[in-house]
Amino acid sequence: REDALSEILGEHMLVNHEWKIAVNTEGKAYLLFDLEKDPAEQRNLAGLPEYREIEEWLRLRILERIAASHINEG
């Protein structure tokens, strides 16, 4: 798979080979890790201006995955 998505209590986490992101129920990222450079997840990049584009791209991917799952259910 290209990525994996999980959800608990309205919060979502997406993981791919390079990134891991977790967003709260409002869609705001509170965890962001560069898994290639930081596989032990020691440096949280969420909210840092230089990673804003990555956050946006990953949030969009979360929405795409959620939308696709609802289409497949119906």
PDB file of N, CA and C in Angstrom:
ATOM      1  N   ARG A   1       0.812  -1.192   0.000  1.00  0.00           N
ATOM      2  CA  ARG A   1       0.000   0.000   0.000  1.00  0.00           C
ATOM      3  C   ARG A   1       0.852   1.251   0.000  1.00  0.00           C
ATOM      4  N   GLU A   2       0.266   2.281  -0.542  1.00  0.00           N
ATOM      5  CA  GLU A   2       0.937   3.576  -0.575  1.00  0.00           C
ATOM      6  C   GLU A   2       1.012   4.187   0.823  1.00  0.00           C
ATOM      7  N   ASP A   3      -0.070   4.015   1.596  1.00  0.00           N
ATOM      8  CA  ASP A   3      -0.113   4.556   2.950  1.00  0.00           C
ATOM      9  C   ASP A   3      -1.155   3.812   3.773  1.00  0.00           C
ATOM     10  N   ALA A   4      -1.166   4.082   5.069  1.00  0.00           N
ATOM     11  CA  ALA A   4      -2.138   3.464   5.972  1.00  0.00           C
ATOM     12  C   ALA A   4      -2.818   4.575   6.761  1.00  0.00           C
ATOM     13  N   LEU A   5      -4.114   4.411   6.976  1.00  0.00           N
ATOM     14  CA  LEU A   5      -4.902   5.397   7.699  1.00  0.00           C
ATOM     15  C   LEU A   5      -5.583   4.715   8.872  1.00  0.00           C
ATOM     16  N   SER A   6      -5.529   5.359  10.026  1.00  0.00           N
ATOM     17  CA  SER A   6      -6.272   4.856  11.176  1.00  0.00           C
ATOM     18  C   SER A   6      -7.051   6.006  11.790  1.00  0.00           C
ATOM     19  N   GLU A   7      -8.114   5.638  12.535  1.00  0.00           N
ATOM     20  CA  GLU A   7      -8.974   6.643  13.162  1.00  0.00           C
ATOM     21  C   GLU A   7      -9.386   6.129  14.530  1.00  0.00           C
ATOM     22  N   ILE A   8      -9.366   7.023  15.506  1.00  0.00           N
ATOM     23  CA  ILE A   8      -9.882   6.716  16.826  1.00  0.00           C
ATOM     24  C   ILE A   8     -10.464   7.997  17.409  1.00  0.00           C
ATOM     25  N   LEU A   9     -11.704   7.905  17.827  1.00  0.00           N
ATOM     26  CA  LEU A   9     -12.410   9.029  18.452  1.00  0.00           C
ATOM     27  C   LEU A   9     -12.347  10.301  17.611  1.00  0.00           C
ATOM     28  N   GLY A  10     -12.420  10.140  16.295  1.00  0.00           N
ATOM     29  CA  GLY A  10     -12.438  11.290  15.393  1.00  0.00           C
ATOM     30  C   GLY A  10     -11.088  11.859  15.032  1.00  0.00           C
ATOM     31  N   GLU A  11     -10.029  11.325  15.608  1.00  0.00           N
ATOM     32  CA  GLU A  11      -8.680  11.745  15.237  1.00  0.00           C
ATOM     33  C   GLU A  11      -8.128  10.740  14.237  1.00  0.00           C
ATOM     34  N   HIS A  12      -7.317  11.226  13.315  1.00  0.00           N
ATOM     35  CA  HIS A  12      -6.781  10.374  12.251  1.00  0.00           C
ATOM     36  C   HIS A  12      -5.263  10.397  12.242  1.00  0.00           C
ATOM     37  N   MET A  13      -4.695   9.252  11.843  1.00  0.00           N
ATOM     38  CA  MET A  13      -3.252   9.146  11.654  1.00  0.00           C
ATOM     39  C   MET A  13      -3.014   8.501  10.296  1.00  0.00           C
ATOM     40  N   LEU A  14      -2.098   9.094   9.554  1.00  0.00           N
ATOM     41  CA  LEU A  14      -1.715   8.573   8.249  1.00  0.00           C
ATOM     42  C   LEU A  14      -0.218   8.304   8.278  1.00  0.00           C
ATOM     43  N   VAL A  15       0.178   7.159   7.745  1.00  0.00           N
ATOM     44  CA  VAL A  15       1.592   6.779   7.691  1.00  0.00           C
ATOM     45  C   VAL A  15       1.899   6.289   6.277  1.00  0.00           C
ATOM     46  N   ASN A  16       3.009   6.775   5.726  1.00  0.00           N
ATOM     47  CA  ASN A  16       3.533   6.207   4.492  1.00  0.00           C
ATOM     48  C   ASN A  16       5.018   5.906   4.718  1.00  0.00           C
ATOM     49  N   HIS A  17       5.740   5.628   3.678  1.00  0.00           N
ATOM     50  CA  HIS A  17       7.145   5.257   3.855  1.00  0.00           C
ATOM     51  C   HIS A  17       8.005   6.408   4.366  1.00  0.00           C
ATOM     52  N   GLU A  18       7.552   7.632   4.129  1.00  0.00           N
ATOM     53  CA  GLU A  18       8.364   8.794   4.482  1.00  0.00           C
ATOM     54  C   GLU A  18       7.820   9.594   5.665  1.00  0.00           C
ATOM     55  N   TRP A  19       6.497   9.648   5.825  1.00  0.00           N
ATOM     56  CA  TRP A  19       5.893  10.545   6.805  1.00  0.00           C
ATOM     57  C   TRP A  19       4.888   9.850   7.708  1.00  0.00           C
ATOM     58  N   LYS A  20       4.705  10.420   8.900  1.00  0.00           N
ATOM     59  CA  LYS A  20       3.615  10.055   9.796  1.00  0.00           C
ATOM     60  C   LYS A  20       3.002  11.357  10.292  1.00  0.00           C
ATOM     61  N   ILE A  21       1.671  11.445  10.190  1.00  0.00           N
ATOM     62  CA  ILE A  21       0.958  12.631  10.653  1.00  0.00           C
ATOM     63  C   ILE A  21      -0.254  12.194  11.468  1.00  0.00           C
ATOM     64  N   ALA A  22      -0.546  12.940  12.517  1.00  0.00           N
ATOM     65  CA  ALA A  22      -1.765  12.745  13.296  1.00  0.00           C
ATOM     66  C   ALA A  22      -2.476  14.082  13.367  1.00  0.00           C
ATOM     67  N   VAL A  23      -3.793  14.049  13.135  1.00  0.00           N
ATOM     68  CA  VAL A  23      -4.596  15.272  13.192  1.00  0.00           C
ATOM     69  C   VAL A  23      -5.725  15.088  14.190  1.00  0.00           C
ATOM     70  N   ASN A  24      -6.080  16.182  14.858  1.00  0.00           N
ATOM     71  CA  ASN A  24      -7.157  16.127  15.842  1.00  0.00           C
ATOM     72  C   ASN A  24      -8.516  16.211  15.143  1.00  0.00           C
ATOM     73  N   THR A  25      -9.576  16.279  15.929  1.00  0.00           N
ATOM     74  CA  THR A  25     -10.926  16.275  15.358  1.00  0.00           C
ATOM     75  C   THR A  25     -11.215  17.517  14.522  1.00  0.00           C
ATOM     76  N   GLU A  26     -10.451  18.590  14.716  1.00  0.00           N
ATOM     77  CA  GLU A  26     -10.600  19.792  13.899  1.00  0.00           C
ATOM     78  C   GLU A  26      -9.729  19.758  12.647  1.00  0.00           C
ATOM     79  N   GLY A  27      -8.958  18.700  12.468  1.00  0.00           N
ATOM     80  CA  GLY A  27      -8.097  18.562  11.302  1.00  0.00           C
ATOM     81  C   GLY A  27      -6.739  19.217  11.455  1.00  0.00           C
ATOM     82  N   LYS A  28      -6.405  19.649  12.671  1.00  0.00           N
ATOM     83  CA  LYS A  28      -5.102  20.291  12.905  1.00  0.00           C
ATOM     84  C   LYS A  28      -4.058  19.224  13.257  1.00  0.00           C
ATOM     85  N   ALA A  29      -2.912  19.306  12.585  1.00  0.00           N
ATOM     86  CA  ALA A  29      -1.831  18.355  12.844  1.00  0.00           C
ATOM     87  C   ALA A  29      -1.202  18.637  14.200  1.00  0.00           C
ATOM     88  N   TYR A  30      -1.047  17.578  14.993  1.00  0.00           N
ATOM     89  CA  TYR A  30      -0.331  17.710  16.262  1.00  0.00           C
ATOM     90  C   TYR A  30       0.888  16.802  16.326  1.00  0.00           C
ATOM     91  N   LEU A  31       1.007  15.899  15.375  1.00  0.00           N
ATOM     92  CA  LEU A  31       2.217  15.089  15.226  1.00  0.00           C
ATOM     93  C   LEU A  31       2.591  15.060  13.756  1.00  0.00           C
ATOM     94  N   LEU A  32       3.860  15.235  13.464  1.00  0.00           N
ATOM     95  CA  LEU A  32       4.388  15.099  12.111  1.00  0.00           C
ATOM     96  C   LEU A  32       5.831  14.646  12.230  1.00  0.00           C
ATOM     97  N   PHE A  33       6.127  13.497  11.649  1.00  0.00           N
ATOM     98  CA  PHE A  33       7.485  12.951  11.705  1.00  0.00           C
ATOM     99  C   PHE A  33       7.967  12.607  10.311  1.00  0.00           C
ATOM    100  N   ASP A  34       9.216  12.940  10.029  1.00  0.00           N
ATOM    101  CA  ASP A  34       9.900  12.540   8.808  1.00  0.00           C
ATOM    102  C   ASP A  34      10.558  11.196   9.118  1.00  0.00           C
ATOM    103  N   LEU A  35       9.910  10.122   8.697  1.00  0.00           N
ATOM    104  CA  LEU A  35      10.362   8.783   9.076  1.00  0.00           C
ATOM    105  C   LEU A  35      11.661   8.367   8.407  1.00  0.00           C
ATOM    106  N   GLU A  36      12.006   8.993   7.285  1.00  0.00           N
ATOM    107  CA  GLU A  36      13.280   8.665   6.647  1.00  0.00           C
ATOM    108  C   GLU A  36      14.449   9.263   7.422  1.00  0.00           C
ATOM    109  N   LYS A  37      14.296  10.505   7.869  1.00  0.00           N
ATOM    110  CA  LYS A  37      15.376  11.179   8.592  1.00  0.00           C
ATOM    111  C   LYS A  37      15.312  10.934  10.094  1.00  0.00           C
ATOM    112  N   ASP A  38      14.141  10.581  10.600  1.00  0.00           N
ATOM    113  CA  ASP A  38      13.926  10.428  12.041  1.00  0.00           C
ATOM    114  C   ASP A  38      13.052   9.202  12.321  1.00  0.00           C
ATOM    115  N   PRO A  39      13.564   8.000  12.027  1.00  0.00           N
ATOM    116  CA  PRO A  39      12.750   6.794  12.200  1.00  0.00           C
ATOM    117  C   PRO A  39      12.330   6.525  13.644  1.00  0.00           C
ATOM    118  N   ALA A  40      13.037   7.083  14.609  1.00  0.00           N
ATOM    119  CA  ALA A  40      12.678   6.889  16.019  1.00  0.00           C
ATOM    120  C   ALA A  40      11.644   7.916  16.483  1.00  0.00           C
ATOM    121  N   GLU A  41      11.229   8.790  15.588  1.00  0.00           N
ATOM    122  CA  GLU A  41      10.201   9.798  15.871  1.00  0.00           C
ATOM    123  C   GLU A  41      10.564  10.647  17.091  1.00  0.00           C
ATOM    124  N   GLN A  42      11.736  11.231  17.045  1.00  0.00           N
ATOM    125  CA  GLN A  42      12.226  12.052  18.151  1.00  0.00           C
ATOM    126  C   GLN A  42      11.916  13.533  17.986  1.00  0.00           C
ATOM    127  N   ARG A  43      11.720  13.985  16.729  1.00  0.00           N
ATOM    128  CA  ARG A  43      11.502  15.418  16.476  1.00  0.00           C
ATOM    129  C   ARG A  43      10.142  15.632  15.821  1.00  0.00           C
ATOM    130  N   ASN A  44       9.204  16.193  16.588  1.00  0.00           N
ATOM    131  CA  ASN A  44       7.874  16.492  16.084  1.00  0.00           C
ATOM    132  C   ASN A  44       7.933  17.772  15.247  1.00  0.00           C
ATOM    133  N   LEU A  45       7.572  17.676  13.976  1.00  0.00           N
ATOM    134  CA  LEU A  45       7.659  18.792  13.038  1.00  0.00           C
ATOM    135  C   LEU A  45       6.332  19.526  12.869  1.00  0.00           C
ATOM    136  N   ALA A  46       5.283  19.072  13.534  1.00  0.00           N
ATOM    137  CA  ALA A  46       3.954  19.681  13.378  1.00  0.00           C
ATOM    138  C   ALA A  46       3.994  21.151  13.780  1.00  0.00           C
ATOM    139  N   GLY A  47       3.394  21.975  12.941  1.00  0.00           N
ATOM    140  CA  GLY A  47       3.295  23.393  13.226  1.00  0.00           C
ATOM    141  C   GLY A  47       4.487  24.224  12.798  1.00  0.00           C
ATOM    142  N   LEU A  48       5.569  23.589  12.383  1.00  0.00           N
ATOM    143  CA  LEU A  48       6.730  24.353  11.933  1.00  0.00           C
ATOM    144  C   LEU A  48       6.467  24.899  10.530  1.00  0.00           C
ATOM    145  N   PRO A  49       6.711  26.185  10.325  1.00  0.00           N
ATOM    146  CA  PRO A  49       6.379  26.807   9.032  1.00  0.00           C
ATOM    147  C   PRO A  49       7.012  26.115   7.831  1.00  0.00           C
ATOM    148  N   GLU A  50       8.224  25.613   7.979  1.00  0.00           N
ATOM    149  CA  GLU A  50       8.906  24.993   6.833  1.00  0.00           C
ATOM    150  C   GLU A  50       8.285  23.648   6.432  1.00  0.00           C
ATOM    151  N   TYR A  51       7.376  23.101   7.249  1.00  0.00           N
ATOM    152  CA  TYR A  51       6.714  21.832   6.933  1.00  0.00           C
ATOM    153  C   TYR A  51       5.223  22.015   6.638  1.00  0.00           C
ATOM    154  N   ARG A  52       4.784  23.257   6.497  1.00  0.00           N
ATOM    155  CA  ARG A  52       3.367  23.549   6.255  1.00  0.00           C
ATOM    156  C   ARG A  52       2.844  22.871   4.991  1.00  0.00           C
ATOM    157  N   GLU A  53       3.618  22.901   3.908  1.00  0.00           N
ATOM    158  CA  GLU A  53       3.174  22.273   2.658  1.00  0.00           C
ATOM    159  C   GLU A  53       3.032  20.766   2.814  1.00  0.00           C
ATOM    160  N   ILE A  54       3.948  20.143   3.538  1.00  0.00           N
ATOM    161  CA  ILE A  54       3.865  18.701   3.789  1.00  0.00           C
ATOM    162  C   ILE A  54       2.609  18.396   4.599  1.00  0.00           C
ATOM    163  N   GLU A  55       2.363  19.187   5.647  1.00  0.00           N
ATOM    164  CA  GLU A  55       1.153  18.993   6.461  1.00  0.00           C
ATOM    165  C   GLU A  55      -0.097  19.086   5.596  1.00  0.00           C
ATOM    166  N   GLU A  56      -0.168  20.100   4.746  1.00  0.00           N
ATOM    167  CA  GLU A  56      -1.343  20.282   3.894  1.00  0.00           C
ATOM    168  C   GLU A  56      -1.520  19.099   2.950  1.00  0.00           C
ATOM    169  N   TRP A  57      -0.444  18.651   2.352  1.00  0.00           N
ATOM    170  CA  TRP A  57      -0.491  17.522   1.427  1.00  0.00           C
ATOM    171  C   TRP A  57      -0.974  16.262   2.147  1.00  0.00           C
ATOM    172  N   LEU A  58      -0.456  16.019   3.343  1.00  0.00           N
ATOM    173  CA  LEU A  58      -0.853  14.827   4.093  1.00  0.00           C
ATOM    174  C   LEU A  58      -2.286  14.931   4.596  1.00  0.00           C
ATOM    175  N   ARG A  59      -2.720  16.121   5.017  1.00  0.00           N
ATOM    176  CA  ARG A  59      -4.126  16.291   5.421  1.00  0.00           C
ATOM    177  C   ARG A  59      -5.062  16.036   4.246  1.00  0.00           C
ATOM    178  N   LEU A  60      -4.682  16.510   3.067  1.00  0.00           N
ATOM    179  CA  LEU A  60      -5.481  16.249   1.877  1.00  0.00           C
ATOM    180  C   LEU A  60      -5.552  14.750   1.604  1.00  0.00           C
ATOM    181  N   ARG A  61      -4.451  14.067   1.784  1.00  0.00           N
ATOM    182  CA  ARG A  61      -4.449  12.613   1.579  1.00  0.00           C
ATOM    183  C   ARG A  61      -5.388  11.921   2.569  1.00  0.00           C
ATOM    184  N   ILE A  62      -5.405  12.382   3.816  1.00  0.00           N
ATOM    185  CA  ILE A  62      -6.337  11.825   4.804  1.00  0.00           C
ATOM    186  C   ILE A  62      -7.775  12.003   4.308  1.00  0.00           C
ATOM    187  N   LEU A  63      -8.111  13.215   3.858  1.00  0.00           N
ATOM    188  CA  LEU A  63      -9.468  13.468   3.368  1.00  0.00           C
ATOM    189  C   LEU A  63      -9.803  12.596   2.163  1.00  0.00           C
ATOM    190  N   GLU A  64      -8.837  12.400   1.270  1.00  0.00           N
ATOM    191  CA  GLU A  64      -9.055  11.541   0.106  1.00  0.00           C
ATOM    192  C   GLU A  64      -9.350  10.113   0.538  1.00  0.00           C
ATOM    193  N   ARG A  65      -8.590   9.620   1.500  1.00  0.00           N
ATOM    194  CA  ARG A  65      -8.795   8.248   1.982  1.00  0.00           C
ATOM    195  C   ARG A  65     -10.148   8.103   2.674  1.00  0.00           C
ATOM    196  N   ILE A  66     -10.538   9.100   3.462  1.00  0.00           N
ATOM    197  CA  ILE A  66     -11.842   9.054   4.142  1.00  0.00           C
ATOM    198  C   ILE A  66     -12.962   9.059   3.104  1.00  0.00           C
ATOM    199  N   ALA A  67     -12.861   9.942   2.129  1.00  0.00           N
ATOM    200  CA  ALA A  67     -13.880  10.023   1.089  1.00  0.00           C
ATOM    201  C   ALA A  67     -13.983   8.708   0.322  1.00  0.00           C
ATOM    202  N   ALA A  68     -12.856   8.112  -0.015  1.00  0.00           N
ATOM    203  CA  ALA A  68     -12.857   6.851  -0.753  1.00  0.00           C
ATOM    204  C   ALA A  68     -13.487   5.742   0.073  1.00  0.00           C
ATOM    205  N   SER A  69     -13.262   5.741   1.376  1.00  0.00           N
ATOM    206  CA  SER A  69     -13.853   4.690   2.200  1.00  0.00           C
ATOM    207  C   SER A  69     -15.371   4.829   2.275  1.00  0.00           C
ATOM    208  N   HIS A  70     -15.871   6.066   2.267  1.00  0.00           N
ATOM    209  CA  HIS A  70     -17.322   6.283   2.292  1.00  0.00           C
ATOM    210  C   HIS A  70     -17.956   5.889   0.959  1.00  0.00           C
ATOM    211  N   ILE A  71     -17.264   6.104  -0.126  1.00  0.00           N
ATOM    212  CA  ILE A  71     -17.771   5.691  -1.446  1.00  0.00           C
ATOM    213  C   ILE A  71     -17.857   4.174  -1.498  1.00  0.00           C
ATOM    214  N   ASN A  72     -16.821   3.510  -0.987  1.00  0.00           N
ATOM    215  CA  ASN A  72     -16.809   2.042  -1.023  1.00  0.00           C
ATOM    216  C   ASN A  72     -17.857   1.421  -0.110  1.00  0.00           C
ATOM    217  N   GLU A  73     -18.259   2.140   0.947  1.00  0.00           N
ATOM    218  CA  GLU A  73     -19.290   1.640   1.851  1.00  0.00           C
ATOM    219  C   GLU A  73     -20.664   1.686   1.215  1.00  0.00           C
ATOM    220  N   GLY A  74     -20.903   2.714   0.421  1.00  0.00           N
ATOM    221  CA  GLY A  74     -22.250   2.945  -0.125  1.00  0.00           C
ATOM    222  C   GLY A  74     -22.478   2.233  -1.391  1.00  0.00           C
TER     223      GLY A  74
END
